Amino acid sequence: MITEEKQLLFERQAEIAKALSHPVRIAVVNFLKDGEQCVCDIAEYVGAERSNVSRHLAVMVNAGLLSYRKQGLKVIYELRCPCILEFFVCIGGVLKQQVEADRRLLRAL
């Protein structure tokens, strides 16, 4: 049986996973891998309006994925735990396995 503490842990992990479950948010993580960036540059990179990007950034801040600071009129964001990039390396491995399985299936046709 799952303990109360484990259940809480799983819920928090799910919140973090949900905060990553949008293509724009994944693009933001990818962009921030090289260091902190302002909202204007993030919006340009992902090809979205600043207001839309700001909503995505807020979700990620609330989940603990990003931190931010104000610099004059700019808001600068960075990854709180760059180790989250390892998660995407793992996802890449899963995608490679899926592609290989699809290739084998196509060869069988």
PDB file of N, CA and C in Angstrom:
ATOM      1  N   MET A   1       0.835  -1.181   0.000  1.00  0.00           N
ATOM      2  CA  MET A   1       0.000   0.000   0.000  1.00  0.00           C
ATOM      3  C   MET A   1       0.886   1.254   0.000  1.00  0.00           C
ATOM      4  N   ILE A   2       0.482   2.240  -0.728  1.00  0.00           N
ATOM      5  CA  ILE A   2       1.234   3.487  -0.832  1.00  0.00           C
ATOM      6  C   ILE A   2       1.003   4.322   0.426  1.00  0.00           C
ATOM      7  N   THR A   3       2.100   4.766   1.018  1.00  0.00           N
ATOM      8  CA  THR A   3       1.998   5.601   2.216  1.00  0.00           C
ATOM      9  C   THR A   3       1.541   7.003   1.834  1.00  0.00           C
ATOM     10  N   GLU A   4       1.097   7.745   2.823  1.00  0.00           N
ATOM     11  CA  GLU A   4       0.664   9.121   2.613  1.00  0.00           C
ATOM     12  C   GLU A   4       1.809   9.979   2.063  1.00  0.00           C
ATOM     13  N   GLU A   5       2.999   9.759   2.588  1.00  0.00           N
ATOM     14  CA  GLU A   5       4.163  10.516   2.136  1.00  0.00           C
ATOM     15  C   GLU A   5       4.483  10.211   0.680  1.00  0.00           C
ATOM     16  N   LYS A   6       4.417   8.917   0.318  1.00  0.00           N
ATOM     17  CA  LYS A   6       4.674   8.530  -1.076  1.00  0.00           C
ATOM     18  C   LYS A   6       3.617   9.120  -1.999  1.00  0.00           C
ATOM     19  N   GLN A   7       2.366   9.111  -1.547  1.00  0.00           N
ATOM     20  CA  GLN A   7       1.289   9.671  -2.355  1.00  0.00           C
ATOM     21  C   GLN A   7       1.539  11.152  -2.610  1.00  0.00           C
ATOM     22  N   LEU A   8       1.951  11.879  -1.580  1.00  0.00           N
ATOM     23  CA  LEU A   8       2.260  13.298  -1.728  1.00  0.00           C
ATOM     24  C   LEU A   8       3.433  13.487  -2.694  1.00  0.00           C
ATOM     25  N   LEU A   9       4.447  12.653  -2.568  1.00  0.00           N
ATOM     26  CA  LEU A   9       5.591  12.706  -3.466  1.00  0.00           C
ATOM     27  C   LEU A   9       5.153  12.492  -4.918  1.00  0.00           C
ATOM     28  N   PHE A  10       4.329  11.490  -5.159  1.00  0.00           N
ATOM     29  CA  PHE A  10       3.853  11.201  -6.510  1.00  0.00           C
ATOM     30  C   PHE A  10       3.035  12.371  -7.059  1.00  0.00           C
ATOM     31  N   GLU A  11       2.231  12.993  -6.218  1.00  0.00           N
ATOM     32  CA  GLU A  11       1.432  14.138  -6.648  1.00  0.00           C
ATOM     33  C   GLU A  11       2.323  15.312  -7.044  1.00  0.00           C
ATOM     34  N   ARG A  12       3.360  15.558  -6.251  1.00  0.00           N
ATOM     35  CA  ARG A  12       4.289  16.659  -6.570  1.00  0.00           C
ATOM     36  C   ARG A  12       5.051  16.359  -7.865  1.00  0.00           C
ATOM     37  N   GLN A  13       5.448  15.104  -8.043  1.00  0.00           N
ATOM     38  CA  GLN A  13       6.138  14.734  -9.278  1.00  0.00           C
ATOM     39  C   GLN A  13       5.211  14.933 -10.483  1.00  0.00           C
ATOM     40  N   ALA A  14       3.949  14.595 -10.310  1.00  0.00           N
ATOM     41  CA  ALA A  14       2.976  14.775 -11.389  1.00  0.00           C
ATOM     42  C   ALA A  14       2.799  16.257 -11.724  1.00  0.00           C
ATOM     43  N   GLU A  15       2.818  17.130 -10.717  1.00  0.00           N
ATOM     44  CA  GLU A  15       2.712  18.572 -10.950  1.00  0.00           C
ATOM     45  C   GLU A  15       3.879  19.058 -11.810  1.00  0.00           C
ATOM     46  N   ILE A  16       5.067  18.569 -11.523  1.00  0.00           N
ATOM     47  CA  ILE A  16       6.238  18.958 -12.305  1.00  0.00           C
ATOM     48  C   ILE A  16       6.113  18.435 -13.732  1.00  0.00           C
ATOM     49  N   ALA A  17       5.696  17.185 -13.866  1.00  0.00           N
ATOM     50  CA  ALA A  17       5.525  16.609 -15.202  1.00  0.00           C
ATOM     51  C   ALA A  17       4.469  17.381 -15.986  1.00  0.00           C
ATOM     52  N   LYS A  18       3.374  17.773 -15.338  1.00  0.00           N
ATOM     53  CA  LYS A  18       2.334  18.555 -16.008  1.00  0.00           C
ATOM     54  C   LYS A  18       2.870  19.901 -16.465  1.00  0.00           C
ATOM     55  N   ALA A  19       3.743  20.499 -15.668  1.00  0.00           N
ATOM     56  CA  ALA A  19       4.319  21.801 -16.025  1.00  0.00           C
ATOM     57  C   ALA A  19       5.218  21.701 -17.249  1.00  0.00           C
ATOM     58  N   LEU A  20       5.647  20.510 -17.581  1.00  0.00           N
ATOM     59  CA  LEU A  20       6.480  20.297 -18.767  1.00  0.00           C
ATOM     60  C   LEU A  20       5.668  19.800 -19.960  1.00  0.00           C
ATOM     61  N   SER A  21       4.388  19.573 -19.768  1.00  0.00           N
ATOM     62  CA  SER A  21       3.596  18.871 -20.775  1.00  0.00           C
ATOM     63  C   SER A  21       2.982  19.797 -21.828  1.00  0.00           C
ATOM     64  N   HIS A  22       3.776  20.707 -22.346  1.00  0.00           N
ATOM     65  CA  HIS A  22       3.326  21.569 -23.437  1.00  0.00           C
ATOM     66  C   HIS A  22       4.539  21.866 -24.314  1.00  0.00           C
ATOM     67  N   PRO A  23       4.375  21.821 -25.628  1.00  0.00           N
ATOM     68  CA  PRO A  23       5.513  22.064 -26.515  1.00  0.00           C
ATOM     69  C   PRO A  23       6.218  23.404 -26.276  1.00  0.00           C
ATOM     70  N   VAL A  24       5.457  24.443 -25.966  1.00  0.00           N
ATOM     71  CA  VAL A  24       6.086  25.747 -25.696  1.00  0.00           C
ATOM     72  C   VAL A  24       6.977  25.653 -24.464  1.00  0.00           C
ATOM     73  N   ARG A  25       6.518  24.969 -23.442  1.00  0.00           N
ATOM     74  CA  ARG A  25       7.300  24.854 -22.209  1.00  0.00           C
ATOM     75  C   ARG A  25       8.562  24.029 -22.427  1.00  0.00           C
ATOM     76  N   ILE A  26       8.455  22.992 -23.236  1.00  0.00           N
ATOM     77  CA  ILE A  26       9.640  22.197 -23.560  1.00  0.00           C
ATOM     78  C   ILE A  26      10.630  23.053 -24.347  1.00  0.00           C
ATOM     79  N   ALA A  27      10.119  23.875 -25.263  1.00  0.00           N
ATOM     80  CA  ALA A  27      10.992  24.782 -26.018  1.00  0.00           C
ATOM     81  C   ALA A  27      11.677  25.770 -25.088  1.00  0.00           C
ATOM     82  N   VAL A  28      10.959  26.252 -24.079  1.00  0.00           N
ATOM     83  CA  VAL A  28      11.543  27.182 -23.109  1.00  0.00           C
ATOM     84  C   VAL A  28      12.701  26.511 -22.374  1.00  0.00           C
ATOM     85  N   VAL A  29      12.482  25.294 -21.912  1.00  0.00           N
ATOM     86  CA  VAL A  29      13.553  24.564 -21.217  1.00  0.00           C
ATOM     87  C   VAL A  29      14.751  24.426 -22.141  1.00  0.00           C
ATOM     88  N   ASN A  30      14.504  24.070 -23.389  1.00  0.00           N
ATOM     89  CA  ASN A  30      15.585  23.930 -24.356  1.00  0.00           C
ATOM     90  C   ASN A  30      16.339  25.248 -24.522  1.00  0.00           C
ATOM     91  N   PHE A  31      15.626  26.349 -24.601  1.00  0.00           N
ATOM     92  CA  PHE A  31      16.255  27.655 -24.783  1.00  0.00           C
ATOM     93  C   PHE A  31      17.067  28.073 -23.561  1.00  0.00           C
ATOM     94  N   LEU A  32      16.568  27.724 -22.378  1.00  0.00           N
ATOM     95  CA  LEU A  32      17.244  28.127 -21.144  1.00  0.00           C
ATOM     96  C   LEU A  32      18.423  27.226 -20.783  1.00  0.00           C
ATOM     97  N   LYS A  33      18.650  26.170 -21.548  1.00  0.00           N
ATOM     98  CA  LYS A  33      19.750  25.257 -21.226  1.00  0.00           C
ATOM     99  C   LYS A  33      21.098  25.956 -21.269  1.00  0.00           C
ATOM    100  N   ASP A  34      21.204  27.021 -22.052  1.00  0.00           N
ATOM    101  CA  ASP A  34      22.463  27.744 -22.170  1.00  0.00           C
ATOM    102  C   ASP A  34      22.576  28.911 -21.195  1.00  0.00           C
ATOM    103  N   GLY A  35      21.571  29.092 -20.347  1.00  0.00           N
ATOM    104  CA  GLY A  35      21.632  30.166 -19.361  1.00  0.00           C
ATOM    105  C   GLY A  35      20.390  31.025 -19.361  1.00  0.00           C
ATOM    106  N   GLU A  36      20.392  31.988 -18.487  1.00  0.00           N
ATOM    107  CA  GLU A  36      19.215  32.822 -18.277  1.00  0.00           C
ATOM    108  C   GLU A  36      18.906  33.680 -19.501  1.00  0.00           C
ATOM    109  N   GLN A  37      17.598  33.971 -19.629  1.00  0.00           N
ATOM    110  CA  GLN A  37      17.106  34.757 -20.763  1.00  0.00           C
ATOM    111  C   GLN A  37      15.929  35.622 -20.319  1.00  0.00           C
ATOM    112  N   CYS A  38      15.727  36.723 -21.033  1.00  0.00           N
ATOM    113  CA  CYS A  38      14.578  37.588 -20.728  1.00  0.00           C
ATOM    114  C   CYS A  38      13.347  37.087 -21.482  1.00  0.00           C
ATOM    115  N   VAL A  39      12.190  37.525 -21.025  1.00  0.00           N
ATOM    116  CA  VAL A  39      10.922  37.105 -21.630  1.00  0.00           C
ATOM    117  C   VAL A  39      10.897  37.442 -23.117  1.00  0.00           C
ATOM    118  N   CYS A  40      11.402  38.611 -23.477  1.00  0.00           N
ATOM    119  CA  CYS A  40      11.356  39.028 -24.881  1.00  0.00           C
ATOM    120  C   CYS A  40      12.120  38.045 -25.772  1.00  0.00           C
ATOM    121  N   ASP A  41      13.286  37.596 -25.325  1.00  0.00           N
ATOM    122  CA  ASP A  41      14.065  36.645 -26.119  1.00  0.00           C
ATOM    123  C   ASP A  41      13.426  35.256 -26.122  1.00  0.00           C
ATOM    124  N   ILE A  42      12.840  34.869 -25.003  1.00  0.00           N
ATOM    125  CA  ILE A  42      12.145  33.575 -24.940  1.00  0.00           C
ATOM    126  C   ILE A  42      10.968  33.574 -25.906  1.00  0.00           C
ATOM    127  N   ALA A  43      10.182  34.661 -25.898  1.00  0.00           N
ATOM    128  CA  ALA A  43       9.015  34.766 -26.782  1.00  0.00           C
ATOM    129  C   ALA A  43       9.435  34.704 -28.249  1.00  0.00           C
ATOM    130  N   GLU A  44      10.519  35.363 -28.582  1.00  0.00           N
ATOM    131  CA  GLU A  44      11.010  35.332 -29.958  1.00  0.00           C
ATOM    132  C   GLU A  44      11.442  33.922 -30.331  1.00  0.00           C
ATOM    133  N   TYR A  45      12.137  33.255 -29.435  1.00  0.00           N
ATOM    134  CA  TYR A  45      12.613  31.899 -29.701  1.00  0.00           C
ATOM    135  C   TYR A  45      11.459  30.930 -29.950  1.00  0.00           C
ATOM    136  N   VAL A  46      10.436  30.978 -29.104  1.00  0.00           N
ATOM    137  CA  VAL A  46       9.331  30.017 -29.239  1.00  0.00           C
ATOM    138  C   VAL A  46       8.298  30.468 -30.266  1.00  0.00           C
ATOM    139  N   GLY A  47       8.410  31.717 -30.734  1.00  0.00           N
ATOM    140  CA  GLY A  47       7.484  32.208 -31.752  1.00  0.00           C
ATOM    141  C   GLY A  47       6.081  32.442 -31.239  1.00  0.00           C
ATOM    142  N   ALA A  48       5.989  33.002 -30.030  1.00  0.00           N
ATOM    143  CA  ALA A  48       4.676  33.246 -29.429  1.00  0.00           C
ATOM    144  C   ALA A  48       4.640  34.653 -28.829  1.00  0.00           C
ATOM    145  N   GLU A  49       3.441  35.123 -28.569  1.00  0.00           N
ATOM    146  CA  GLU A  49       3.261  36.434 -27.937  1.00  0.00           C
ATOM    147  C   GLU A  49       3.811  36.414 -26.524  1.00  0.00           C
ATOM    148  N   ARG A  50       4.335  37.541 -26.087  1.00  0.00           N
ATOM    149  CA  ARG A  50       4.902  37.624 -24.737  1.00  0.00           C
ATOM    150  C   ARG A  50       3.879  37.268 -23.666  1.00  0.00           C
ATOM    151  N   SER A  51       2.625  37.707 -23.858  1.00  0.00           N
ATOM    152  CA  SER A  51       1.607  37.408 -22.842  1.00  0.00           C
ATOM    153  C   SER A  51       1.379  35.906 -22.719  1.00  0.00           C
ATOM    154  N   ASN A  52       1.369  35.208 -23.840  1.00  0.00           N
ATOM    155  CA  ASN A  52       1.200  33.757 -23.834  1.00  0.00           C
ATOM    156  C   ASN A  52       2.405  33.085 -23.183  1.00  0.00           C
ATOM    157  N   VAL A  53       3.595  33.536 -23.543  1.00  0.00           N
ATOM    158  CA  VAL A  53       4.812  32.971 -22.981  1.00  0.00           C
ATOM    159  C   VAL A  53       4.858  33.234 -21.480  1.00  0.00           C
ATOM    160  N   SER A  54       4.432  34.413 -21.052  1.00  0.00           N
ATOM    161  CA  SER A  54       4.427  34.740 -19.621  1.00  0.00           C
ATOM    162  C   SER A  54       3.540  33.791 -18.836  1.00  0.00           C
ATOM    163  N   ARG A  55       2.414  33.394 -19.406  1.00  0.00           N
ATOM    164  CA  ARG A  55       1.534  32.422 -18.732  1.00  0.00           C
ATOM    165  C   ARG A  55       2.240  31.071 -18.593  1.00  0.00           C
ATOM    166  N   HIS A  56       2.919  30.640 -19.652  1.00  0.00           N
ATOM    167  CA  HIS A  56       3.657  29.383 -19.585  1.00  0.00           C
ATOM    168  C   HIS A  56       4.783  29.469 -18.552  1.00  0.00           C
ATOM    169  N   LEU A  57       5.476  30.591 -18.534  1.00  0.00           N
ATOM    170  CA  LEU A  57       6.560  30.765 -17.575  1.00  0.00           C
ATOM    171  C   LEU A  57       6.033  30.723 -16.150  1.00  0.00           C
ATOM    172  N   ALA A  58       4.866  31.311 -15.917  1.00  0.00           N
ATOM    173  CA  ALA A  58       4.275  31.300 -14.576  1.00  0.00           C
ATOM    174  C   ALA A  58       3.975  29.876 -14.119  1.00  0.00           C
ATOM    175  N   VAL A  59       3.475  29.048 -15.022  1.00  0.00           N
ATOM    176  CA  VAL A  59       3.213  27.641 -14.686  1.00  0.00           C
ATOM    177  C   VAL A  59       4.513  26.962 -14.271  1.00  0.00           C
ATOM    178  N   MET A  60       5.570  27.246 -15.000  1.00  0.00           N
ATOM    179  CA  MET A  60       6.852  26.604 -14.731  1.00  0.00           C
ATOM    180  C   MET A  60       7.495  27.124 -13.448  1.00  0.00           C
ATOM    181  N   VAL A  61       7.316  28.399 -13.173  1.00  0.00           N
ATOM    182  CA  VAL A  61       7.813  28.964 -11.907  1.00  0.00           C
ATOM    183  C   VAL A  61       7.061  28.340 -10.740  1.00  0.00           C
ATOM    184  N   ASN A  62       5.740  28.259 -10.857  1.00  0.00           N
ATOM    185  CA  ASN A  62       4.924  27.693  -9.776  1.00  0.00           C
ATOM    186  C   ASN A  62       5.254  26.228  -9.510  1.00  0.00           C
ATOM    187  N   ALA A  63       5.705  25.518 -10.539  1.00  0.00           N
ATOM    188  CA  ALA A  63       6.081  24.113 -10.374  1.00  0.00           C
ATOM    189  C   ALA A  63       7.513  23.966  -9.863  1.00  0.00           C
ATOM    190  N   GLY A  64       8.226  25.078  -9.750  1.00  0.00           N
ATOM    191  CA  GLY A  64       9.591  25.034  -9.241  1.00  0.00           C
ATOM    192  C   GLY A  64      10.654  24.754 -10.295  1.00  0.00           C
ATOM    193  N   LEU A  65      10.267  24.788 -11.561  1.00  0.00           N
ATOM    194  CA  LEU A  65      11.222  24.511 -12.637  1.00  0.00           C
ATOM    195  C   LEU A  65      12.107  25.707 -12.971  1.00  0.00           C
ATOM    196  N   LEU A  66      11.554  26.900 -12.819  1.00  0.00           N
ATOM    197  CA  LEU A  66      12.273  28.117 -13.177  1.00  0.00           C
ATOM    198  C   LEU A  66      12.356  29.068 -11.998  1.00  0.00           C
ATOM    199  N   SER A  67      13.371  29.897 -12.028  1.00  0.00           N
ATOM    200  CA  SER A  67      13.441  31.039 -11.107  1.00  0.00           C
ATOM    201  C   SER A  67      13.557  32.279 -11.981  1.00  0.00           C
ATOM    202  N   TYR A  68      13.316  33.426 -11.377  1.00  0.00           N
ATOM    203  CA  TYR A  68      13.391  34.661 -12.159  1.00  0.00           C
ATOM    204  C   TYR A  68      13.869  35.802 -11.272  1.00  0.00           C
ATOM    205  N   ARG A  69      14.325  36.834 -11.943  1.00  0.00           N
ATOM    206  CA  ARG A  69      14.720  38.056 -11.265  1.00  0.00           C
ATOM    207  C   ARG A  69      14.395  39.221 -12.186  1.00  0.00           C
ATOM    208  N   LYS A  70      14.193  40.362 -11.582  1.00  0.00           N
ATOM    209  CA  LYS A  70      13.917  41.556 -12.374  1.00  0.00           C
ATOM    210  C   LYS A  70      15.212  42.323 -12.563  1.00  0.00           C
ATOM    211  N   GLN A  71      15.398  42.803 -13.766  1.00  0.00           N
ATOM    212  CA  GLN A  71      16.558  43.611 -14.111  1.00  0.00           C
ATOM    213  C   GLN A  71      16.020  44.832 -14.850  1.00  0.00           C
ATOM    214  N   GLY A  72      15.796  45.903 -14.086  1.00  0.00           N
ATOM    215  CA  GLY A  72      15.147  47.067 -14.673  1.00  0.00           C
ATOM    216  C   GLY A  72      13.722  46.699 -15.036  1.00  0.00           C
ATOM    217  N   LEU A  73      13.372  46.913 -16.297  1.00  0.00           N
ATOM    218  CA  LEU A  73      12.028  46.562 -16.765  1.00  0.00           C
ATOM    219  C   LEU A  73      11.946  45.124 -17.278  1.00  0.00           C
ATOM    220  N   LYS A  74      13.077  44.466 -17.395  1.00  0.00           N
ATOM    221  CA  LYS A  74      13.107  43.098 -17.910  1.00  0.00           C
ATOM    222  C   LYS A  74      12.940  42.084 -16.779  1.00  0.00           C
ATOM    223  N   VAL A  75      12.342  40.952 -17.129  1.00  0.00           N
ATOM    224  CA  VAL A  75      12.277  39.806 -16.222  1.00  0.00           C
ATOM    225  C   VAL A  75      13.136  38.712 -16.856  1.00  0.00           C
ATOM    226  N   ILE A  76      14.090  38.240 -16.075  1.00  0.00           N
ATOM    227  CA  ILE A  76      15.059  37.255 -16.549  1.00  0.00           C
ATOM    228  C   ILE A  76      14.746  35.910 -15.895  1.00  0.00           C
ATOM    229  N   TYR A  77      14.671  34.851 -16.711  1.00  0.00           N
ATOM    230  CA  TYR A  77      14.349  33.508 -16.216  1.00  0.00           C
ATOM    231  C   TYR A  77      15.546  32.586 -16.387  1.00  0.00           C
ATOM    232  N   GLU A  78      15.624  31.598 -15.496  1.00  0.00           N
ATOM    233  CA  GLU A  78      16.634  30.556 -15.619  1.00  0.00           C
ATOM    234  C   GLU A  78      16.092  29.250 -15.046  1.00  0.00           C
ATOM    235  N   LEU A  79      16.708  28.149 -15.458  1.00  0.00           N
ATOM    236  CA  LEU A  79      16.346  26.836 -14.922  1.00  0.00           C
ATOM    237  C   LEU A  79      16.813  26.767 -13.473  1.00  0.00           C
ATOM    238  N   ARG A  80      15.915  26.366 -12.573  1.00  0.00           N
ATOM    239  CA  ARG A  80      16.315  26.201 -11.164  1.00  0.00           C
ATOM    240  C   ARG A  80      17.200  24.988 -10.991  1.00  0.00           C
ATOM    241  N   CYS A  81      16.873  23.934 -11.704  1.00  0.00           N
ATOM    242  CA  CYS A  81      17.640  22.685 -11.621  1.00  0.00           C
ATOM    243  C   CYS A  81      17.952  22.226 -13.041  1.00  0.00           C
ATOM    244  N   PRO A  82      19.107  22.623 -13.562  1.00  0.00           N
ATOM    245  CA  PRO A  82      19.454  22.233 -14.932  1.00  0.00           C
ATOM    246  C   PRO A  82      19.453  20.721 -15.152  1.00  0.00           C
ATOM    247  N   CYS A  83      19.459  19.948 -14.085  1.00  0.00           N
ATOM    248  CA  CYS A  83      19.410  18.480 -14.236  1.00  0.00           C
ATOM    249  C   CYS A  83      18.117  18.029 -14.917  1.00  0.00           C
ATOM    250  N   ILE A  84      17.117  18.903 -15.021  1.00  0.00           N
ATOM    251  CA  ILE A  84      15.877  18.544 -15.720  1.00  0.00           C
ATOM    252  C   ILE A  84      16.181  18.202 -17.176  1.00  0.00           C
ATOM    253  N   LEU A  85      17.286  18.718 -17.683  1.00  0.00           N
ATOM    254  CA  LEU A  85      17.686  18.411 -19.063  1.00  0.00           C
ATOM    255  C   LEU A  85      17.960  16.923 -19.243  1.00  0.00           C
ATOM    256  N   GLU A  86      18.379  16.240 -18.173  1.00  0.00           N
ATOM    257  CA  GLU A  86      18.613  14.792 -18.236  1.00  0.00           C
ATOM    258  C   GLU A  86      17.320  14.043 -18.531  1.00  0.00           C
ATOM    259  N   PHE A  87      16.206  14.579 -18.054  1.00  0.00           N
ATOM    260  CA  PHE A  87      14.899  13.996 -18.327  1.00  0.00           C
ATOM    261  C   PHE A  87      14.651  13.959 -19.833  1.00  0.00           C
ATOM    262  N   PHE A  88      15.038  15.044 -20.516  1.00  0.00           N
ATOM    263  CA  PHE A  88      14.825  15.104 -21.958  1.00  0.00           C
ATOM    264  C   PHE A  88      15.796  14.200 -22.713  1.00  0.00           C
ATOM    265  N   VAL A  89      16.956  13.956 -22.155  1.00  0.00           N
ATOM    266  CA  VAL A  89      17.868  12.970 -22.735  1.00  0.00           C
ATOM    267  C   VAL A  89      17.197  11.600 -22.678  1.00  0.00           C
ATOM    268  N   CYS A  90      16.586  11.298 -21.558  1.00  0.00           N
ATOM    269  CA  CYS A  90      15.874  10.036 -21.391  1.00  0.00           C
ATOM    270  C   CYS A  90      14.708   9.928 -22.379  1.00  0.00           C
ATOM    271  N   ILE A  91      13.952  11.002 -22.527  1.00  0.00           N
ATOM    272  CA  ILE A  91      12.838  11.012 -23.479  1.00  0.00           C
ATOM    273  C   ILE A  91      13.365  10.772 -24.895  1.00  0.00           C
ATOM    274  N   GLY A  92      14.519  11.345 -25.205  1.00  0.00           N
ATOM    275  CA  GLY A  92      15.135  11.107 -26.508  1.00  0.00           C
ATOM    276  C   GLY A  92      15.422   9.629 -26.720  1.00  0.00           C
ATOM    277  N   GLY A  93      15.872   8.955 -25.668  1.00  0.00           N
ATOM    278  CA  GLY A  93      16.112   7.517 -25.752  1.00  0.00           C
ATOM    279  C   GLY A  93      14.841   6.742 -26.034  1.00  0.00           C
ATOM    280  N   VAL A  94      13.757   7.125 -25.391  1.00  0.00           N
ATOM    281  CA  VAL A  94      12.466   6.470 -25.635  1.00  0.00           C
ATOM    282  C   VAL A  94      12.036   6.690 -27.079  1.00  0.00           C
ATOM    283  N   LEU A  95      12.199   7.927 -27.569  1.00  0.00           N
ATOM    284  CA  LEU A  95      11.817   8.224 -28.959  1.00  0.00           C
ATOM    285  C   LEU A  95      12.640   7.402 -29.950  1.00  0.00           C
ATOM    286  N   LYS A  96      13.934   7.237 -29.679  1.00  0.00           N
ATOM    287  CA  LYS A  96      14.785   6.426 -30.557  1.00  0.00           C
ATOM    288  C   LYS A  96      14.307   4.983 -30.586  1.00  0.00           C
ATOM    289  N   GLN A  97      13.931   4.459 -29.422  1.00  0.00           N
ATOM    290  CA  GLN A  97      13.423   3.089 -29.373  1.00  0.00           C
ATOM    291  C   GLN A  97      12.126   2.959 -30.175  1.00  0.00           C
ATOM    292  N   GLN A  98      11.269   3.971 -30.072  1.00  0.00           N
ATOM    293  CA  GLN A  98      10.017   3.941 -30.826  1.00  0.00           C
ATOM    294  C   GLN A  98      10.273   3.963 -32.331  1.00  0.00           C
ATOM    295  N   VAL A  99      11.206   4.801 -32.759  1.00  0.00           N
ATOM    296  CA  VAL A  99      11.538   4.886 -34.180  1.00  0.00           C
ATOM    297  C   VAL A  99      12.090   3.548 -34.673  1.00  0.00           C
ATOM    298  N   GLU A 100      12.965   2.944 -33.890  1.00  0.00           N
ATOM    299  CA  GLU A 100      13.530   1.652 -34.290  1.00  0.00           C
ATOM    300  C   GLU A 100      12.437   0.587 -34.381  1.00  0.00           C
ATOM    301  N   ALA A 101      11.507   0.602 -33.439  1.00  0.00           N
ATOM    302  CA  ALA A 101      10.395  -0.361 -33.491  1.00  0.00           C
ATOM    303  C   ALA A 101       9.544  -0.113 -34.730  1.00  0.00           C
ATOM    304  N   ASP A 102       9.322   1.147 -35.073  1.00  0.00           N
ATOM    305  CA  ASP A 102       8.550   1.481 -36.275  1.00  0.00           C
ATOM    306  C   ASP A 102       9.284   1.020 -37.538  1.00  0.00           C
ATOM    307  N   ARG A 103      10.601   1.176 -37.567  1.00  0.00           N
ATOM    308  CA  ARG A 103      11.393   0.717 -38.706  1.00  0.00           C
ATOM    309  C   ARG A 103      11.260  -0.787 -38.889  1.00  0.00           C
ATOM    310  N   ARG A 104      11.343  -1.531 -37.780  1.00  0.00           N
ATOM    311  CA  ARG A 104      11.207  -2.985 -37.867  1.00  0.00           C
ATOM    312  C   ARG A 104       9.821  -3.352 -38.375  1.00  0.00           C
ATOM    313  N   LEU A 105       8.815  -2.636 -37.941  1.00  0.00           N
ATOM    314  CA  LEU A 105       7.442  -2.886 -38.380  1.00  0.00           C
ATOM    315  C   LEU A 105       7.307  -2.616 -39.884  1.00  0.00           C
ATOM    316  N   LEU A 106       7.912  -1.516 -40.342  1.00  0.00           N
ATOM    317  CA  LEU A 106       7.842  -1.206 -41.766  1.00  0.00           C
ATOM    318  C   LEU A 106       8.560  -2.250 -42.607  1.00  0.00           C
ATOM    319  N   ARG A 107       9.671  -2.751 -42.126  1.00  0.00           N
ATOM    320  CA  ARG A 107      10.397  -3.783 -42.862  1.00  0.00           C
ATOM    321  C   ARG A 107       9.560  -5.070 -42.967  1.00  0.00           C
ATOM    322  N   ALA A 108       8.722  -5.288 -41.976  1.00  0.00           N
ATOM    323  CA  ALA A 108       7.893  -6.498 -41.970  1.00  0.00           C
ATOM    324  C   ALA A 108       6.737  -6.407 -42.951  1.00  0.00           C
ATOM    325  N   LEU A 109       6.438  -5.226 -43.406  1.00  0.00           N
ATOM    326  CA  LEU A 109       5.318  -5.063 -44.351  1.00  0.00           C
ATOM    327  C   LEU A 109       5.628  -5.605 -45.729  1.00  0.00           C
TER     328      LEU A 109
END
